[in-house]
PDB file of N, CA and C in Angstrom:
ATOM      1  N   MET A   1       4.698  11.666  -7.711  1.00  0.00           N
ATOM      2  CA  MET A   1       3.546   9.440  -8.410  1.00  0.00           C
ATOM      3  C   MET A   1       2.872   9.982  -9.140  1.00  0.00           C
ATOM      4  N   SER A   2       2.399  11.135  -8.852  1.00  0.00           N
ATOM      5  CA  SER A   2       1.419  11.815 -10.007  1.00  0.00           C
ATOM      6  C   SER A   2       0.346  11.146 -10.583  1.00  0.00           C
ATOM      7  N   GLU A   3       0.694  10.542 -11.636  1.00  0.00           N
ATOM      8  CA  GLU A   3       0.544   9.809 -13.193  1.00  0.00           C
ATOM      9  C   GLU A   3       0.810   8.707 -12.754  1.00  0.00           C
ATOM     10  N   THR A   4       0.714   7.886 -11.715  1.00  0.00           N
ATOM     11  CA  THR A   4       0.635   6.191 -10.908  1.00  0.00           C
ATOM     12  C   THR A   4       0.026   4.818 -11.578  1.00  0.00           C
ATOM     13  N   THR A   5       0.568   4.018 -12.649  1.00  0.00           N
ATOM     14  CA  THR A   5      -0.216   3.147 -12.571  1.00  0.00           C
ATOM     15  C   THR A   5       0.331   2.058 -12.199  1.00  0.00           C
ATOM     16  N   ILE A   6      -0.701   1.218 -11.413  1.00  0.00           N
ATOM     17  CA  ILE A   6      -0.461  -0.327 -11.016  1.00  0.00           C
ATOM     18  C   ILE A   6      -0.985  -1.267 -10.614  1.00  0.00           C
ATOM     19  N   ASP A   7      -0.800  -2.282 -11.145  1.00  0.00           N
ATOM     20  CA  ASP A   7      -1.713  -3.606 -11.415  1.00  0.00           C
ATOM     21  C   ASP A   7      -1.392  -4.946 -10.728  1.00  0.00           C
ATOM     22  N   PHE A   8      -2.479  -4.230 -10.041  1.00  0.00           N
ATOM     23  CA  PHE A   8      -2.657  -5.435  -8.695  1.00  0.00           C
ATOM     24  C   PHE A   8      -3.222  -6.163  -9.034  1.00  0.00           C
ATOM     25  N   THR A   9      -2.960  -7.495  -8.132  1.00  0.00           N
ATOM     26  CA  THR A   9      -3.603  -8.415  -8.216  1.00  0.00           C
ATOM     27  C   THR A   9      -4.362  -8.109  -8.081  1.00  0.00           C
ATOM     28  N   PRO A  10      -5.655 -10.212  -7.857  1.00  0.00           N
ATOM     29  CA  PRO A  10      -7.441  -9.169  -8.060  1.00  0.00           C
ATOM     30  C   PRO A  10      -7.151  -9.731  -5.652  1.00  0.00           C
ATOM     31  N   ALA A  11      -6.346 -10.626  -5.420  1.00  0.00           N
ATOM     32  CA  ALA A  11      -6.089 -10.713  -4.417  1.00  0.00           C
ATOM     33  C   ALA A  11      -6.239  -8.663  -3.925  1.00  0.00           C
ATOM     34  N   ALA A  12      -5.390  -7.414  -4.112  1.00  0.00           N
ATOM     35  CA  ALA A  12      -4.806  -6.225  -3.347  1.00  0.00           C
ATOM     36  C   ALA A  12      -6.528  -5.827  -4.765  1.00  0.00           C
ATOM     37  N   ALA A  13      -6.548  -5.885  -5.430  1.00  0.00           N
ATOM     38  CA  ALA A  13      -7.659  -4.821  -5.652  1.00  0.00           C
ATOM     39  C   ALA A  13      -9.133  -4.746  -5.751  1.00  0.00           C
ATOM     40  N   GLY A  14      -9.478  -5.382  -5.018  1.00  0.00           N
ATOM     41  CA  GLY A  14     -11.236  -4.530  -4.190  1.00  0.00           C
ATOM     42  C   GLY A  14     -10.212  -3.185  -3.027  1.00  0.00           C
ATOM     43  N   LEU A  15      -8.611  -3.581  -2.269  1.00  0.00           N
ATOM     44  CA  LEU A  15      -8.339  -2.316  -1.756  1.00  0.00           C
ATOM     45  C   LEU A  15      -7.788  -1.051  -2.372  1.00  0.00           C
ATOM     46  N   ALA A  16      -7.220  -1.218  -3.990  1.00  0.00           N
ATOM     47  CA  ALA A  16      -6.757  -0.300  -3.800  1.00  0.00           C
ATOM     48  C   ALA A  16      -7.643   0.334  -4.400  1.00  0.00           C
ATOM     49  N   GLU A  17      -8.997   0.163  -4.930  1.00  0.00           N
ATOM     50  CA  GLU A  17      -9.885   1.554  -5.154  1.00  0.00           C
ATOM     51  C   GLU A  17     -10.733   2.110  -4.284  1.00  0.00           C
ATOM     52  N   THR A  18     -10.189   2.192  -3.190  1.00  0.00           N
ATOM     53  CA  THR A  18     -10.675   2.600  -2.343  1.00  0.00           C
ATOM     54  C   THR A  18      -9.434   3.286  -1.527  1.00  0.00           C
ATOM     55  N   LEU A  19      -8.405   2.659  -0.742  1.00  0.00           N
ATOM     56  CA  LEU A  19      -7.070   2.959  -0.318  1.00  0.00           C
ATOM     57  C   LEU A  19      -6.292   2.994  -1.766  1.00  0.00           C
ATOM     58  N   LEU A  20      -6.234   3.020  -2.278  1.00  0.00           N
ATOM     59  CA  LEU A  20      -4.742   4.072  -3.557  1.00  0.00           C
ATOM     60  C   LEU A  20      -4.939   4.732  -3.557  1.00  0.00           C
ATOM     61  N   ALA A  21      -5.796   6.570  -3.118  1.00  0.00           N
ATOM     62  CA  ALA A  21      -5.142   8.417  -2.985  1.00  0.00           C
ATOM     63  C   ALA A  21      -4.496   7.951  -2.184  1.00  0.00           C
ATOM     64  N   PRO A  22      -5.308   7.766  -0.812  1.00  0.00           N
ATOM     65  CA  PRO A  22      -4.309   8.096   0.638  1.00  0.00           C
ATOM     66  C   PRO A  22      -3.112   7.425   1.546  1.00  0.00           C
ATOM     67  N   ALA A  23      -3.084   6.107  -0.045  1.00  0.00           N
ATOM     68  CA  ALA A  23      -2.146   5.415  -0.071  1.00  0.00           C
ATOM     69  C   ALA A  23      -1.029   6.452  -0.034  1.00  0.00           C
ATOM     70  N   LEU A  24      -0.993   6.713  -2.143  1.00  0.00           N
ATOM     71  CA  LEU A  24      -0.161   7.403  -2.049  1.00  0.00           C
ATOM     72  C   LEU A  24      -0.086   8.517  -1.745  1.00  0.00           C
ATOM     73  N   GLU A  25      -1.460   9.386  -0.674  1.00  0.00           N
ATOM     74  CA  GLU A  25      -0.284  10.593  -0.361  1.00  0.00           C
ATOM     75  C   GLU A  25       0.936  10.616   0.555  1.00  0.00           C
ATOM     76  N   ILE A  26       0.528   8.937   1.823  1.00  0.00           N
ATOM     77  CA  ILE A  26       1.486   9.057   2.510  1.00  0.00           C
ATOM     78  C   ILE A  26       2.453   8.769   2.124  1.00  0.00           C
ATOM     79  N   ILE A  27       2.828   8.069   1.217  1.00  0.00           N
ATOM     80  CA  ILE A  27       3.901   7.962   0.200  1.00  0.00           C
ATOM     81  C   ILE A  27       4.926   8.695   0.040  1.00  0.00           C
ATOM     82  N   ALA A  28       4.281   9.803  -0.888  1.00  0.00           N
ATOM     83  CA  ALA A  28       4.871  10.881  -0.945  1.00  0.00           C
ATOM     84  C   ALA A  28       5.304  11.859   0.394  1.00  0.00           C
ATOM     85  N   ARG A  29       4.923  11.581   1.292  1.00  0.00           N
ATOM     86  CA  ARG A  29       5.365  12.386   3.173  1.00  0.00           C
ATOM     87  C   ARG A  29       7.050  11.596   2.194  1.00  0.00           C
ATOM     88  N   TYR A  30       7.226  10.556   1.625  1.00  0.00           N
ATOM     89  CA  TYR A  30       8.961  10.223   2.108  1.00  0.00           C
ATOM     90  C   TYR A  30       9.932  10.527   0.727  1.00  0.00           C
ATOM     91  N   PRO A  31      11.132  10.967   0.673  1.00  0.00           N
ATOM     92  CA  PRO A  31      11.303  11.204  -0.616  1.00  0.00           C
ATOM     93  C   PRO A  31      11.721   9.991  -1.280  1.00  0.00           C
ATOM     94  N   GLU A  32      12.938  10.793  -2.418  1.00  0.00           N
ATOM     95  CA  GLU A  32      12.034   9.438  -3.964  1.00  0.00           C
ATOM     96  C   GLU A  32      13.264   8.472  -3.105  1.00  0.00           C
ATOM     97  N   GLY A  33      13.249   7.212  -3.393  1.00  0.00           N
ATOM     98  CA  GLY A  33      14.186   6.233  -2.819  1.00  0.00           C
ATOM     99  C   GLY A  33      13.928   5.641  -1.573  1.00  0.00           C
ATOM    100  N   ARG A  34      12.232   6.224  -0.360  1.00  0.00           N
ATOM    101  CA  ARG A  34      13.026   6.063   0.526  1.00  0.00           C
ATOM    102  C   ARG A  34      11.318   5.968   0.902  1.00  0.00           C
ATOM    103  N   SER A  35      10.869   5.478   0.407  1.00  0.00           N
ATOM    104  CA  SER A  35       8.763   5.169   0.262  1.00  0.00           C
ATOM    105  C   SER A  35       8.009   3.630   0.979  1.00  0.00           C
ATOM    106  N   ARG A  36       9.763   3.034   0.918  1.00  0.00           N
ATOM    107  CA  ARG A  36       9.891   2.248   1.981  1.00  0.00           C
ATOM    108  C   ARG A  36       9.463   2.455   3.263  1.00  0.00           C
ATOM    109  N   SER A  37       9.541   3.169   3.563  1.00  0.00           N
ATOM    110  CA  SER A  37       9.742   3.470   4.545  1.00  0.00           C
ATOM    111  C   SER A  37       8.374   4.075   4.938  1.00  0.00           C
ATOM    112  N   ALA A  38       7.043   4.030   4.029  1.00  0.00           N
ATOM    113  CA  ALA A  38       5.547   4.571   4.008  1.00  0.00           C
ATOM    114  C   ALA A  38       4.963   2.825   4.600  1.00  0.00           C
ATOM    115  N   LEU A  39       5.762   2.187   4.718  1.00  0.00           N
ATOM    116  CA  LEU A  39       5.195   0.848   4.676  1.00  0.00           C
ATOM    117  C   LEU A  39       4.120   0.939   7.304  1.00  0.00           C
ATOM    118  N   LEU A  40       5.643   1.445   8.054  1.00  0.00           N
ATOM    119  CA  LEU A  40       4.186   1.767   9.018  1.00  0.00           C
ATOM    120  C   LEU A  40       2.894   2.029   9.144  1.00  0.00           C
ATOM    121  N   PRO A  41       3.234   2.966   7.877  1.00  0.00           N
ATOM    122  CA  PRO A  41       1.805   4.026   7.874  1.00  0.00           C
ATOM    123  C   PRO A  41       1.276   2.936   6.844  1.00  0.00           C
ATOM    124  N   LEU A  42       1.476   2.029   6.023  1.00  0.00           N
ATOM    125  CA  LEU A  42      -0.124   1.660   5.014  1.00  0.00           C
ATOM    126  C   LEU A  42      -0.656   0.623   6.171  1.00  0.00           C
ATOM    127  N   LEU A  43       0.243  -0.288   7.202  1.00  0.00           N
ATOM    128  CA  LEU A  43      -0.905  -1.538   7.520  1.00  0.00           C
ATOM    129  C   LEU A  43      -1.278  -0.376   8.132  1.00  0.00           C
ATOM    130  N   HIS A  44      -1.213   1.234   9.046  1.00  0.00           N
ATOM    131  CA  HIS A  44      -2.653   1.352   9.113  1.00  0.00           C
ATOM    132  C   HIS A  44      -3.306   1.940   9.008  1.00  0.00           C
ATOM    133  N   LEU A  45      -3.062   1.905   7.747  1.00  0.00           N
ATOM    134  CA  LEU A  45      -4.064   2.884   7.066  1.00  0.00           C
ATOM    135  C   LEU A  45      -5.251   1.284   6.551  1.00  0.00           C
ATOM    136  N   VAL A  46      -4.578   1.003   5.691  1.00  0.00           N
ATOM    137  CA  VAL A  46      -5.553  -0.680   5.526  1.00  0.00           C
ATOM    138  C   VAL A  46      -5.842  -1.368   7.213  1.00  0.00           C
ATOM    139  N   GLN A  47      -5.904  -1.073   8.752  1.00  0.00           N
ATOM    140  CA  GLN A  47      -5.347  -1.884   9.698  1.00  0.00           C
ATOM    141  C   GLN A  47      -6.933  -1.231  10.193  1.00  0.00           C
ATOM    142  N   THR A  48      -7.471   0.216   9.302  1.00  0.00           N
ATOM    143  CA  THR A  48      -7.286   1.608  10.199  1.00  0.00           C
ATOM    144  C   THR A  48      -9.038   0.881   9.542  1.00  0.00           C
ATOM    145  N   ALA A  49      -8.830   0.566   7.986  1.00  0.00           N
ATOM    146  CA  ALA A  49     -10.259   0.372   6.543  1.00  0.00           C
ATOM    147  C   ALA A  49     -10.913  -0.927   6.678  1.00  0.00           C
ATOM    148  N   GLU A  50      -9.702  -1.739   7.428  1.00  0.00           N
ATOM    149  CA  GLU A  50     -10.493  -3.147   6.880  1.00  0.00           C
ATOM    150  C   GLU A  50     -10.379  -3.452   8.676  1.00  0.00           C
ATOM    151  N   GLY A  51     -10.759  -3.500   9.470  1.00  0.00           N
ATOM    152  CA  GLY A  51     -10.388  -3.407  10.996  1.00  0.00           C
ATOM    153  C   GLY A  51      -8.905  -4.414  11.832  1.00  0.00           C
ATOM    154  N   HIS A  52      -8.049  -4.908  10.757  1.00  0.00           N
ATOM    155  CA  HIS A  52      -7.496  -5.960  10.742  1.00  0.00           C
ATOM    156  C   HIS A  52      -6.199  -5.367   9.449  1.00  0.00           C
ATOM    157  N   VAL A  53      -5.589  -6.383   9.393  1.00  0.00           N
ATOM    158  CA  VAL A  53      -4.049  -6.326   8.901  1.00  0.00           C
ATOM    159  C   VAL A  53      -4.611  -7.483   7.907  1.00  0.00           C
ATOM    160  N   SER A  54      -5.574  -7.558   6.643  1.00  0.00           N
ATOM    161  CA  SER A  54      -6.094  -8.659   6.148  1.00  0.00           C
ATOM    162  C   SER A  54      -4.255  -9.276   5.213  1.00  0.00           C
ATOM    163  N   PRO A  55      -4.272 -10.273   4.689  1.00  0.00           N
ATOM    164  CA  PRO A  55      -3.282 -10.907   3.777  1.00  0.00           C
ATOM    165  C   PRO A  55      -3.747 -10.027   2.351  1.00  0.00           C
ATOM    166  N   ASN A  56      -5.324  -9.502   1.757  1.00  0.00           N
ATOM    167  CA  ASN A  56      -5.268  -8.200   0.730  1.00  0.00           C
ATOM    168  C   ASN A  56      -4.387  -7.677   1.638  1.00  0.00           C
ATOM    169  N   GLY A  57      -4.853  -6.738   2.170  1.00  0.00           N
ATOM    170  CA  GLY A  57      -4.543  -5.490   2.722  1.00  0.00           C
ATOM    171  C   GLY A  57      -2.485  -6.149   2.413  1.00  0.00           C
ATOM    172  N   VAL A  58      -1.918  -6.812   3.322  1.00  0.00           N
ATOM    173  CA  VAL A  58      -0.871  -7.620   2.861  1.00  0.00           C
ATOM    174  C   VAL A  58      -0.393  -6.780   1.782  1.00  0.00           C
ATOM    175  N   ALA A  59      -1.362  -7.572   1.298  1.00  0.00           N
ATOM    176  CA  ALA A  59      -0.250  -8.108  -0.426  1.00  0.00           C
ATOM    177  C   ALA A  59      -0.681  -6.560  -1.009  1.00  0.00           C
ATOM    178  N   PHE A  60      -1.808  -5.223  -0.846  1.00  0.00           N
ATOM    179  CA  PHE A  60      -2.529  -4.000  -1.679  1.00  0.00           C
ATOM    180  C   PHE A  60      -1.028  -3.550  -1.063  1.00  0.00           C
ATOM    181  N   CYS A  61       0.312  -3.641   0.257  1.00  0.00           N
ATOM    182  CA  CYS A  61       1.209  -2.474   0.897  1.00  0.00           C
ATOM    183  C   CYS A  61       1.959  -2.914   0.279  1.00  0.00           C
ATOM    184  N   ALA A  62       2.378  -4.285   0.006  1.00  0.00           N
ATOM    185  CA  ALA A  62       3.151  -5.020  -1.213  1.00  0.00           C
ATOM    186  C   ALA A  62       3.271  -4.543  -2.692  1.00  0.00           C
ATOM    187  N   GLU A  63       2.736  -4.397  -2.603  1.00  0.00           N
ATOM    188  CA  GLU A  63       2.261  -4.341  -4.038  1.00  0.00           C
ATOM    189  C   GLU A  63       2.444  -2.384  -4.120  1.00  0.00           C
ATOM    190  N   VAL A  64       1.730  -1.457  -3.780  1.00  0.00           N
ATOM    191  CA  VAL A  64       1.698  -0.588  -3.940  1.00  0.00           C
ATOM    192  C   VAL A  64       2.749   0.090  -3.570  1.00  0.00           C
ATOM    193  N   LEU A  65       3.830  -0.651  -3.322  1.00  0.00           N
ATOM    194  CA  LEU A  65       5.814  -0.154  -2.746  1.00  0.00           C
ATOM    195  C   LEU A  65       6.291  -0.351  -4.206  1.00  0.00           C
ATOM    196  N   GLY A  66       6.205  -1.767  -4.183  1.00  0.00           N
ATOM    197  CA  GLY A  66       6.906  -2.485  -5.079  1.00  0.00           C
ATOM    198  C   GLY A  66       7.523  -3.784  -4.812  1.00  0.00           C
ATOM    199  N   ILE A  67       7.277  -3.326  -3.271  1.00  0.00           N
ATOM    200  CA  ILE A  67       8.376  -4.757  -2.204  1.00  0.00           C
ATOM    201  C   ILE A  67       7.037  -6.288  -2.588  1.00  0.00           C
ATOM    202  N   ASN A  68       7.645  -7.242  -1.838  1.00  0.00           N
ATOM    203  CA  ASN A  68       6.882  -8.601  -2.306  1.00  0.00           C
ATOM    204  C   ASN A  68       6.402  -8.798  -1.251  1.00  0.00           C
ATOM    205  N   LYS A  69       5.669  -9.804  -0.289  1.00  0.00           N
ATOM    206  CA  LYS A  69       5.152  -9.759   0.223  1.00  0.00           C
ATOM    207  C   LYS A  69       5.796 -10.016   1.757  1.00  0.00           C
ATOM    208  N   ALA A  70       6.512 -11.011   1.210  1.00  0.00           N
ATOM    209  CA  ALA A  70       7.515 -11.620   2.816  1.00  0.00           C
ATOM    210  C   ALA A  70       7.899  -9.936   2.644  1.00  0.00           C
ATOM    211  N   GLN A  71       8.409  -9.016   2.062  1.00  0.00           N
ATOM    212  CA  GLN A  71       9.591  -7.647   2.912  1.00  0.00           C
ATOM    213  C   GLN A  71       8.182  -7.246   3.952  1.00  0.00           C
ATOM    214  N   VAL A  72       6.621  -7.321   4.010  1.00  0.00           N
ATOM    215  CA  VAL A  72       5.864  -6.783   4.364  1.00  0.00           C
ATOM    216  C   VAL A  72       5.693  -7.569   5.806  1.00  0.00           C
ATOM    217  N   GLY A  73       5.537  -8.782   5.807  1.00  0.00           N
ATOM    218  CA  GLY A  73       6.024  -8.920   7.301  1.00  0.00           C
ATOM    219  C   GLY A  73       5.082 -10.981   7.538  1.00  0.00           C
TER     220      GLY A  73
END
């Protein structure tokens, strides 16, 4: 995942500026095809940054993992 390009929606773009690098580090800990297992640590990352898991945080997690927001929570 060294060269990752994600087109973030405006909702997630603000968080992506500060959280993309640590999010990619978290995702890299999981074997290929198991990146969805990183969801809980990503939600914790968002909560640590914002103080809660906002709708924008949900959007960020979904977009960085390539899943839809309903799958996040």
